[in-house]
C-alpha atoms as a PDB file:
ATOM      1  CA  UNK A   1     -20.300-112.144  -8.779  1.00  0.00           C
ATOM      2  CA  UNK A   2     -21.643-109.518  -6.398  1.00  0.00           C
ATOM      3  CA  UNK A   3     -18.006-108.407  -5.686  1.00  0.00           C
ATOM      4  CA  UNK A   4     -17.350-108.218  -9.466  1.00  0.00           C
ATOM      5  CA  UNK A   5     -20.556-106.300 -10.046  1.00  0.00           C
ATOM      6  CA  UNK A   6     -19.528-103.916  -7.231  1.00  0.00           C
ATOM      7  CA  UNK A   7     -16.139-103.426  -8.883  1.00  0.00           C
ATOM      8  CA  UNK A   8     -17.676-102.919 -12.275  1.00  0.00           C
ATOM      9  CA  UNK A   9     -20.018-100.339 -10.832  1.00  0.00           C
ATOM     10  CA  UNK A  10     -17.192 -98.512  -9.085  1.00  0.00           C
ATOM     11  CA  UNK A  11     -15.161 -98.550 -12.307  1.00  0.00           C
ATOM     12  CA  UNK A  12     -18.080 -97.190 -14.281  1.00  0.00           C
ATOM     13  CA  UNK A  13     -18.540 -94.470 -11.676  1.00  0.00           C
ATOM     14  CA  UNK A  14     -14.932 -93.447 -11.920  1.00  0.00           C
ATOM     15  CA  UNK A  15     -15.119 -93.447 -15.685  1.00  0.00           C
ATOM     16  CA  UNK A  16     -18.209 -91.271 -15.505  1.00  0.00           C
ATOM     17  CA  UNK A  17     -16.499 -88.903 -13.163  1.00  0.00           C
ATOM     18  CA  UNK A  18     -13.464 -88.733 -15.373  1.00  0.00           C
ATOM     19  CA  UNK A  19     -15.702 -88.152 -18.379  1.00  0.00           C
ATOM     20  CA  UNK A  20     -17.581 -85.415 -16.480  1.00  0.00           C
ATOM     21  CA  UNK A  21     -14.238 -83.784 -15.546  1.00  0.00           C
ATOM     22  CA  UNK A  22     -13.015 -83.990 -19.224  1.00  0.00           C
ATOM     23  CA  UNK A  23     -16.264 -82.387 -20.364  1.00  0.00           C
ATOM     24  CA  UNK A  24     -15.843 -79.587 -17.782  1.00  0.00           C
ATOM     25  CA  UNK A  25     -12.246 -78.991 -18.927  1.00  0.00           C
ATOM     26  CA  UNK A  26     -13.353 -78.886 -22.556  1.00  0.00           C
ATOM     27  CA  UNK A  27     -16.107 -76.474 -21.670  1.00  0.00           C
ATOM     28  CA  UNK A  28     -13.607 -74.230 -19.746  1.00  0.00           C
ATOM     29  CA  UNK A  29     -11.277 -74.344 -22.716  1.00  0.00           C
ATOM     30  CA  UNK A  30     -14.144 -73.390 -24.990  1.00  0.00           C
ATOM     31  CA  UNK A  31     -15.103 -70.481 -22.723  1.00  0.00           C
ATOM     32  CA  UNK A  32     -11.488 -69.242 -22.490  1.00  0.00           C
ATOM     33  CA  UNK A  33     -11.099 -69.502 -26.271  1.00  0.00           C
ATOM     34  CA  UNK A  34     -14.412 -67.587 -26.690  1.00  0.00           C
ATOM     35  CA  UNK A  35     -13.265 -64.920 -24.288  1.00  0.00           C
ATOM     36  CA  UNK A  36      -9.899 -64.678 -26.058  1.00  0.00           C
ATOM     37  CA  UNK A  37     -11.671 -64.402 -29.382  1.00  0.00           C
ATOM     38  CA  UNK A  38     -13.989 -61.650 -28.049  1.00  0.00           C
ATOM     39  CA  UNK A  39     -10.933 -59.849 -26.500  1.00  0.00           C
ATOM     40  CA  UNK A  40      -9.059 -60.085 -29.815  1.00  0.00           C
ATOM     41  CA  UNK A  41     -12.166 -58.795 -31.687  1.00  0.00           C
ATOM     42  CA  UNK A  42     -12.458 -55.934 -29.189  1.00  0.00           C
ATOM     43  CA  UNK A  43      -8.801 -55.021 -29.604  1.00  0.00           C
ATOM     44  CA  UNK A  44      -9.168 -55.184 -33.386  1.00  0.00           C
ATOM     45  CA  UNK A  45     -12.260 -52.852 -33.257  1.00  0.00           C
ATOM     46  CA  UNK A  46     -10.376 -50.503 -31.010  1.00  0.00           C
ATOM     47  CA  UNK A  47      -7.355 -50.541 -33.329  1.00  0.00           C
ATOM     48  CA  UNK A  48      -9.684 -49.912 -36.306  1.00  0.00           C
ATOM     49  CA  UNK A  49     -11.401 -47.056 -34.423  1.00  0.00           C
ATOM     50  CA  UNK A  50      -7.980 -45.545 -33.547  1.00  0.00           C
ATOM     51  CA  UNK A  51      -6.916 -45.930 -37.172  1.00  0.00           C
ATOM     52  CA  UNK A  52     -10.158 -44.296 -38.411  1.00  0.00           C
ATOM     53  CA  UNK A  53      -9.756 -41.454 -35.815  1.00  0.00           C
ATOM     54  CA  UNK A  54      -6.139 -40.895 -36.799  1.00  0.00           C
ATOM     55  CA  UNK A  55      -7.177 -40.729 -40.453  1.00  0.00           C
ATOM     56  CA  UNK A  56      -9.961 -38.330 -39.628  1.00  0.00           C
ATOM     57  CA  UNK A  57      -7.506 -36.101 -37.665  1.00  0.00           C
ATOM     58  CA  UNK A  58      -5.080 -36.300 -40.517  1.00  0.00           C
ATOM     59  CA  UNK A  59      -7.788 -35.225 -42.993  1.00  0.00           C
ATOM     60  CA  UNK A  60      -8.920 -32.478 -40.652  1.00  0.00           C
ATOM     61  CA  UNK A  61      -5.355 -31.219 -40.281  1.00  0.00           C
ATOM     62  CA  UNK A  62      -4.849 -31.354 -44.096  1.00  0.00           C
ATOM     63  CA  UNK A  63      -8.161 -29.453 -44.562  1.00  0.00           C
ATOM     64  CA  UNK A  64      -7.126 -26.886 -42.008  1.00  0.00           C
ATOM     65  CA  UNK A  65      -3.777 -26.561 -43.661  1.00  0.00           C
ATOM     66  CA  UNK A  66      -5.393 -26.040 -47.082  1.00  0.00           C
ATOM     67  CA  UNK A  67      -7.803 -23.568 -45.615  1.00  0.00           C
ATOM     68  CA  UNK A  68      -5.055 -21.634 -43.935  1.00  0.00           C
ATOM     69  CA  UNK A  69      -3.081 -21.560 -47.180  1.00  0.00           C
ATOM     70  CA  UNK A  70      -6.133 -20.356 -49.094  1.00  0.00           C
ATOM     71  CA  UNK A  71      -6.676 -17.625 -46.486  1.00  0.00           C
ATOM     72  CA  UNK A  72      -3.020 -16.658 -46.740  1.00  0.00           C
ATOM     73  CA  UNK A  73      -3.180 -16.410 -50.492  1.00  0.00           C
ATOM     74  CA  UNK A  74      -6.380 -14.426 -50.309  1.00  0.00           C
ATOM     75  CA  UNK A  75      -4.750 -12.091 -47.745  1.00  0.00           C
ATOM     76  CA  UNK A  76      -1.666 -11.728 -49.859  1.00  0.00           C
ATOM     77  CA  UNK A  77      -3.829 -10.990 -52.915  1.00  0.00           C
ATOM     78  CA  UNK A  78      -5.845  -8.388 -51.013  1.00  0.00           C
ATOM     79  CA  UNK A  79      -2.653  -6.839 -49.685  1.00  0.00           C
ATOM     80  CA  UNK A  80      -1.193  -6.651 -53.201  1.00  0.00           C
ATOM     81  CA  UNK A  81      -4.415  -5.078 -54.530  1.00  0.00           C
ATOM     82  CA  UNK A  82      -4.470  -2.608 -51.687  1.00  0.00           C
ATOM     83  CA  UNK A  83      -0.820  -1.716 -52.272  1.00  0.00           C
ATOM     84  CA  UNK A  84      -1.475  -1.222 -56.065  1.00  0.00           C
ATOM     85  CA  UNK A  85      -4.437   0.969 -55.222  1.00  0.00           C
ATOM     86  CA  UNK A  86      -2.371   2.948 -52.755  1.00  0.00           C
ATOM     87  CA  UNK A  87       0.395   3.520 -55.250  1.00  0.00           C
ATOM     88  CA  UNK A  88      -2.058   4.559 -57.869  1.00  0.00           C
ATOM     89  CA  UNK A  89      -3.676   7.030 -55.482  1.00  0.00           C
ATOM     90  CA  UNK A  90      -0.291   8.257 -54.417  1.00  0.00           C
ATOM     91  CA  UNK A  91       0.811   8.813 -57.979  1.00  0.00           C
ATOM     92  CA  UNK A  92      -2.416  10.723 -58.776  1.00  0.00           C
ATOM     93  CA  UNK A  93      -1.971  12.780 -55.667  1.00  0.00           C
ATOM     94  CA  UNK A  94       1.642  13.540 -56.461  1.00  0.00           C
ATOM     95  CA  UNK A  95       0.752  14.704 -59.953  1.00  0.00           C
ATOM     96  CA  UNK A  96      -2.046  16.923 -58.595  1.00  0.00           C
ATOM     97  CA  UNK A  97       0.297  18.429 -56.078  1.00  0.00           C
ATOM     98  CA  UNK A  98       2.936  19.120 -58.700  1.00  0.00           C
ATOM     99  CA  UNK A  99       0.406  20.838 -60.908  1.00  0.00           C
ATOM    100  CA  UNK A 100      -0.790  22.906 -57.966  1.00  0.00           C
ATOM    101  CA  UNK A 101       2.767  23.740 -56.993  1.00  0.00           C
ATOM    102  CA  UNK A 102       3.599  24.910 -60.508  1.00  0.00           C
ATOM    103  CA  UNK A 103       0.540  27.148 -60.648  1.00  0.00           C
ATOM    104  CA  UNK A 104       1.099  28.808 -57.285  1.00  0.00           C
ATOM    105  CA  UNK A 105       4.826  28.375 -56.569  1.00  0.00           C
ATOM    106  CA  UNK A 106       5.417  31.871 -55.173  1.00  0.00           C
ATOM    107  CA  UNK A 107       2.407  31.832 -52.949  1.00  0.00           C
ATOM    108  CA  UNK A 108       3.285  28.406 -51.664  1.00  0.00           C
ATOM    109  CA  UNK A 109       6.787  29.539 -50.925  1.00  0.00           C
ATOM    110  CA  UNK A 110       5.551  32.469 -48.898  1.00  0.00           C
ATOM    111  CA  UNK A 111       3.123  30.292 -47.022  1.00  0.00           C
ATOM    112  CA  UNK A 112       5.829  27.740 -46.357  1.00  0.00           C
ATOM    113  CA  UNK A 113       8.071  30.347 -44.853  1.00  0.00           C
ATOM    114  CA  UNK A 114       5.333  31.697 -42.736  1.00  0.00           C
ATOM    115  CA  UNK A 115       4.348  28.231 -41.677  1.00  0.00           C
ATOM    116  CA  UNK A 116       7.931  27.402 -40.849  1.00  0.00           C
ATOM    117  CA  UNK A 117       8.259  30.477 -38.701  1.00  0.00           C
ATOM    118  CA  UNK A 118       4.926  29.780 -36.992  1.00  0.00           C
ATOM    119  CA  UNK A 119       5.816  26.093 -36.437  1.00  0.00           C
ATOM    120  CA  UNK A 120       9.224  27.021 -35.062  1.00  0.00           C
ATOM    121  CA  UNK A 121       7.655  29.523 -32.603  1.00  0.00           C
ATOM    122  CA  UNK A 122       5.021  26.902 -31.711  1.00  0.00           C
ATOM    123  CA  UNK A 123       7.671  24.171 -31.235  1.00  0.00           C
ATOM    124  CA  UNK A 124       9.760  26.423 -29.054  1.00  0.00           C
ATOM    125  CA  UNK A 125       6.708  27.367 -26.902  1.00  0.00           C
ATOM    126  CA  UNK A 126       5.791  23.630 -26.658  1.00  0.00           C
ATOM    127  CA  UNK A 127       9.401  22.752 -25.709  1.00  0.00           C
ATOM    128  CA  UNK A 128       9.500  25.409 -22.969  1.00  0.00           C
ATOM    129  CA  UNK A 129       6.097  24.358 -21.661  1.00  0.00           C
ATOM    130  CA  UNK A 130       7.096  20.690 -21.587  1.00  0.00           C
ATOM    131  CA  UNK A 131      10.384  21.567 -19.908  1.00  0.00           C
ATOM    132  CA  UNK A 132       8.488  23.509 -17.243  1.00  0.00           C
ATOM    133  CA  UNK A 133       5.958  20.722 -16.865  1.00  0.00           C
ATOM    134  CA  UNK A 134       8.650  18.126 -16.439  1.00  0.00           C
ATOM    135  CA  UNK A 135      10.531  20.292 -13.970  1.00  0.00           C
ATOM    136  CA  UNK A 136       7.347  20.871 -11.942  1.00  0.00           C
ATOM    137  CA  UNK A 137       6.534  17.132 -12.051  1.00  0.00           C
ATOM    138  CA  UNK A 138      10.058  16.296 -10.950  1.00  0.00           C
ATOM    139  CA  UNK A 139       9.895  18.807  -8.080  1.00  0.00           C
ATOM    140  CA  UNK A 140       6.515  17.529  -7.040  1.00  0.00           C
ATOM    141  CA  UNK A 141       7.688  13.911  -7.207  1.00  0.00           C
ATOM    142  CA  UNK A 142      10.827  14.657  -5.237  1.00  0.00           C
ATOM    143  CA  UNK A 143       8.731  16.535  -2.613  1.00  0.00           C
ATOM    144  CA  UNK A 144       6.246  13.651  -2.408  1.00  0.00           C
ATOM    145  CA  UNK A 145       9.107  11.115  -2.204  1.00  0.00           C
ATOM    146  CA  UNK A 146      10.864  13.131   0.532  1.00  0.00           C
ATOM    147  CA  UNK A 147       7.572  13.352   2.444  1.00  0.00           C
ATOM    148  CA  UNK A 148       6.921   9.645   2.034  1.00  0.00           C
ATOM    149  CA  UNK A 149      10.460   8.855   3.215  1.00  0.00           C
ATOM    150  CA  UNK A 150       9.927  11.095   6.198  1.00  0.00           C
ATOM    151  CA  UNK A 151       6.560   9.482   6.959  1.00  0.00           C
ATOM    152  CA  UNK A 152       8.021   5.993   6.528  1.00  0.00           C
ATOM    153  CA  UNK A 153      10.971   6.930   8.809  1.00  0.00           C
ATOM    154  CA  UNK A 154       8.647   8.333  11.449  1.00  0.00           C
ATOM    155  CA  UNK A 155       6.401   5.295  11.214  1.00  0.00           C
ATOM    156  CA  UNK A 156       9.410   2.965  11.517  1.00  0.00           C
ATOM    157  CA  UNK A 157      10.715   4.967  14.481  1.00  0.00           C
ATOM    158  CA  UNK A 158       7.427   4.779  16.243  1.00  0.00           C
ATOM    159  CA  UNK A 159       7.264   1.044  15.450  1.00  0.00           C
ATOM    160  CA  UNK A 160      10.779   0.469  16.857  1.00  0.00           C
ATOM    161  CA  UNK A 161      10.031   2.593  19.940  1.00  0.00           C
ATOM    162  CA  UNK A 162       6.839   0.570  20.511  1.00  0.00           C
ATOM    163  CA  UNK A 163       8.709  -2.739  20.036  1.00  0.00           C
ATOM    164  CA  UNK A 164      11.567  -1.574  22.315  1.00  0.00           C
ATOM    165  CA  UNK A 165       9.058  -0.684  25.050  1.00  0.00           C
ATOM    166  CA  UNK A 166       7.362  -4.067  24.644  1.00  0.00           C
ATOM    167  CA  UNK A 167      10.672  -5.880  24.679  1.00  0.00           C
ATOM    168  CA  UNK A 168      11.867  -4.013  27.775  1.00  0.00           C
ATOM    169  CA  UNK A 169       8.783  -5.003  29.696  1.00  0.00           C
ATOM    170  CA  UNK A 170       8.958  -8.548  28.212  1.00  0.00           C
ATOM    171  CA  UNK A 171      12.622  -8.810  29.258  1.00  0.00           C
ATOM    172  CA  UNK A 172      11.765  -8.104  32.837  1.00  0.00           C
ATOM    173  CA  UNK A 173       8.959 -10.613  32.708  1.00  0.00           C
ATOM    174  CA  UNK A 174      11.195 -13.303  31.327  1.00  0.00           C
ATOM    175  CA  UNK A 175      13.911 -12.475  33.861  1.00  0.00           C
ATOM    176  CA  UNK A 176      11.446 -12.989  36.661  1.00  0.00           C
ATOM    177  CA  UNK A 177      10.294 -16.230  35.103  1.00  0.00           C
ATOM    178  CA  UNK A 178      13.872 -17.488  34.730  1.00  0.00           C
ATOM    179  CA  UNK A 179      14.588 -16.574  38.392  1.00  0.00           C
ATOM    180  CA  UNK A 180      11.783 -18.825  39.532  1.00  0.00           C
ATOM    181  CA  UNK A 181      13.419 -21.779  37.819  1.00  0.00           C
ATOM    182  CA  UNK A 182      17.003 -20.880  38.821  1.00  0.00           C
ATOM    183  CA  UNK A 183      18.919 -23.135  41.195  1.00  0.00           C
ATOM    184  CA  UNK A 184      21.669 -21.232  42.988  1.00  0.00           C
ATOM    185  CA  UNK A 185      25.011 -22.920  42.503  1.00  0.00           C
ATOM    186  CA  UNK A 186      26.962 -23.838  45.639  1.00  0.00           C
ATOM    187  CA  UNK A 187      29.531 -21.204  46.613  1.00  0.00           C
ATOM    188  CA  UNK A 188      28.065 -18.696  44.150  1.00  0.00           C
ATOM    189  CA  UNK A 189      29.180 -15.192  44.784  1.00  0.00           C
ATOM    190  CA  UNK A 190      26.614 -12.452  45.388  1.00  0.00           C
ATOM    191  CA  UNK A 191      26.055  -9.688  42.861  1.00  0.00           C
ATOM    192  CA  UNK A 192      26.968 -11.784  39.732  1.00  0.00           C
ATOM    193  CA  UNK A 193      25.469 -10.535  36.397  1.00  0.00           C
ATOM    194  CA  UNK A 194      25.414 -12.500  33.125  1.00  0.00           C
ATOM    195  CA  UNK A 195      23.968 -11.179  29.838  1.00  0.00           C
ATOM    196  CA  UNK A 196      22.234 -13.881  27.770  1.00  0.00           C
ATOM    197  CA  UNK A 197      20.941 -13.835  24.238  1.00  0.00           C
ATOM    198  CA  UNK A 198      17.773 -15.933  24.095  1.00  0.00           C
ATOM    199  CA  UNK A 199      16.180 -16.948  20.780  1.00  0.00           C
ATOM    200  CA  UNK A 200      12.753 -18.559  20.733  1.00  0.00           C
ATOM    201  CA  UNK A 201      10.682 -20.387  18.179  1.00  0.00           C
ATOM    202  CA  UNK A 202       6.947 -19.692  17.585  1.00  0.00           C
ATOM    203  CA  UNK A 203       5.120 -21.080  20.615  1.00  0.00           C
ATOM    204  CA  UNK A 204       7.832 -19.975  23.085  1.00  0.00           C
ATOM    205  CA  UNK A 205      10.248 -22.993  23.106  1.00  0.00           C
ATOM    206  CA  UNK A 206      13.942 -22.240  23.227  1.00  0.00           C
ATOM    207  CA  UNK A 207      15.910 -22.257  20.038  1.00  0.00           C
ATOM    208  CA  UNK A 208      19.193 -21.219  21.452  1.00  0.00           C
ATOM    209  CA  UNK A 209      20.813 -19.561  24.600  1.00  0.00           C
ATOM    210  CA  UNK A 210      24.117 -17.826  24.316  1.00  0.00           C
ATOM    211  CA  UNK A 211      26.275 -15.982  26.861  1.00  0.00           C
ATOM    212  CA  UNK A 212      26.931 -12.483  25.444  1.00  0.00           C
ATOM    213  CA  UNK A 213      28.749 -11.163  28.468  1.00  0.00           C
ATOM    214  CA  UNK A 214      29.977 -13.575  31.135  1.00  0.00           C
ATOM    215  CA  UNK A 215      29.534 -12.913  34.836  1.00  0.00           C
ATOM    216  CA  UNK A 216      33.104 -14.168  35.365  1.00  0.00           C
ATOM    217  CA  UNK A 217      31.781 -17.418  36.879  1.00  0.00           C
ATOM    218  CA  UNK A 218      31.300 -20.199  34.411  1.00  0.00           C
ATOM    219  CA  UNK A 219      29.247 -22.165  36.914  1.00  0.00           C
ATOM    220  CA  UNK A 220      26.911 -19.164  37.426  1.00  0.00           C
ATOM    221  CA  UNK A 221      26.631 -18.658  33.651  1.00  0.00           C
ATOM    222  CA  UNK A 222      25.654 -22.309  33.130  1.00  0.00           C
ATOM    223  CA  UNK A 223      23.086 -22.183  35.933  1.00  0.00           C
ATOM    224  CA  UNK A 224      21.494 -19.166  34.243  1.00  0.00           C
ATOM    225  CA  UNK A 225      21.366 -21.018  30.894  1.00  0.00           C
ATOM    226  CA  UNK A 226      19.849 -24.059  32.580  1.00  0.00           C
ATOM    227  CA  UNK A 227      17.195 -21.905  34.156  1.00  0.00           C
ATOM    228  CA  UNK A 228      16.232 -20.492  30.759  1.00  0.00           C
ATOM    229  CA  UNK A 229      15.681 -24.034  29.347  1.00  0.00           C
ATOM    230  CA  UNK A 230      13.695 -25.026  32.452  1.00  0.00           C
ATOM    231  CA  UNK A 231      11.438 -21.976  32.141  1.00  0.00           C
ATOM    232  CA  UNK A 232      10.469 -22.876  28.582  1.00  0.00           C
ATOM    233  CA  UNK A 233       8.006 -22.516  26.944  1.00  0.00           C
ATOM    234  CA  UNK A 234       8.083 -18.780  27.376  1.00  0.00           C
ATOM    235  CA  UNK A 235       4.983 -16.621  27.007  1.00  0.00           C
ATOM    236  CA  UNK A 236       5.181 -14.821  23.688  1.00  0.00           C
ATOM    237  CA  UNK A 237       4.384 -11.043  23.355  1.00  0.00           C
ATOM    238  CA  UNK A 238       0.897 -10.477  21.911  1.00  0.00           C
ATOM    239  CA  UNK A 239       2.389  -7.899  19.579  1.00  0.00           C
ATOM    240  CA  UNK A 240       3.344  -9.770  16.347  1.00  0.00           C
ATOM    241  CA  UNK A 241       6.240  -7.375  15.447  1.00  0.00           C
ATOM    242  CA  UNK A 242       7.833  -7.833  18.867  1.00  0.00           C
ATOM    243  CA  UNK A 243       7.297 -11.586  18.759  1.00  0.00           C
ATOM    244  CA  UNK A 244       8.847 -11.804  15.304  1.00  0.00           C
ATOM    245  CA  UNK A 245      11.828  -9.729  16.417  1.00  0.00           C
ATOM    246  CA  UNK A 246      12.429 -12.178  19.319  1.00  0.00           C
ATOM    247  CA  UNK A 247      12.191 -15.111  16.851  1.00  0.00           C
ATOM    248  CA  UNK A 248      14.525 -13.504  14.303  1.00  0.00           C
ATOM    249  CA  UNK A 249      17.045 -11.627  16.494  1.00  0.00           C
ATOM    250  CA  UNK A 250      16.481 -12.942  19.993  1.00  0.00           C
ATOM    251  CA  UNK A 251      16.324 -10.865  23.165  1.00  0.00           C
ATOM    252  CA  UNK A 252      18.999  -9.918  25.681  1.00  0.00           C
ATOM    253  CA  UNK A 253      18.376 -10.902  29.253  1.00  0.00           C
ATOM    254  CA  UNK A 254      20.375  -9.433  32.134  1.00  0.00           C
ATOM    255  CA  UNK A 255      20.208 -12.142  34.716  1.00  0.00           C
ATOM    256  CA  UNK A 256      20.976 -11.057  38.236  1.00  0.00           C
ATOM    257  CA  UNK A 257      18.726 -12.970  40.638  1.00  0.00           C
ATOM    258  CA  UNK A 258      19.632 -11.065  43.849  1.00  0.00           C
END
């Protein structure tokens, strides 16, 4: 009986645990359903708000359209009224002018002839003055342009002379630096001279080395090229124009270590 009571108690415990688990699951389902309901209600409210906002925007657009149309009609009416007034004034003026012309036709004719002569003389004087002014302006502009071209040419010449002087000095400096890194090839003849084109990148590293004029010895030429790469990075000129010229166009190096 004790064993059976123990089994019954264990069974009741399991049934209680299962019941507790079922109640938790039902509560979780209820919470999920409540959240789903709240989410659906929120989405419905948002959709309703969007609908109301769209309707408000539509009404505002319609009102703006109606207002613009009313303003256009008012402007059109004002224009028509102004045009009618202008035509009436023009007609009244025309009639008054015709009456005045009829009463003083001869006098008006003489005045018109005199005015025509005066205007023709005035126009001719203005034409000549304008032609003279334009000629003077053209001459002055041409003189200023010629002067500016001369100044620009002189400035460019001074700049190129300055760059050339810097590059000549820089070339000797680089030649000495390359010589320090040069390894004389075996059986190299004395008095060999090779002309190299060296292009650098900002910072002084080598972009390319090219033989412009060979010494006649390929081994000597290659040894000079290798010395250039070993000497990198090269010191760059402090002058920005000279440095840029080396980067863009390179520099010729006459390599003759002896």
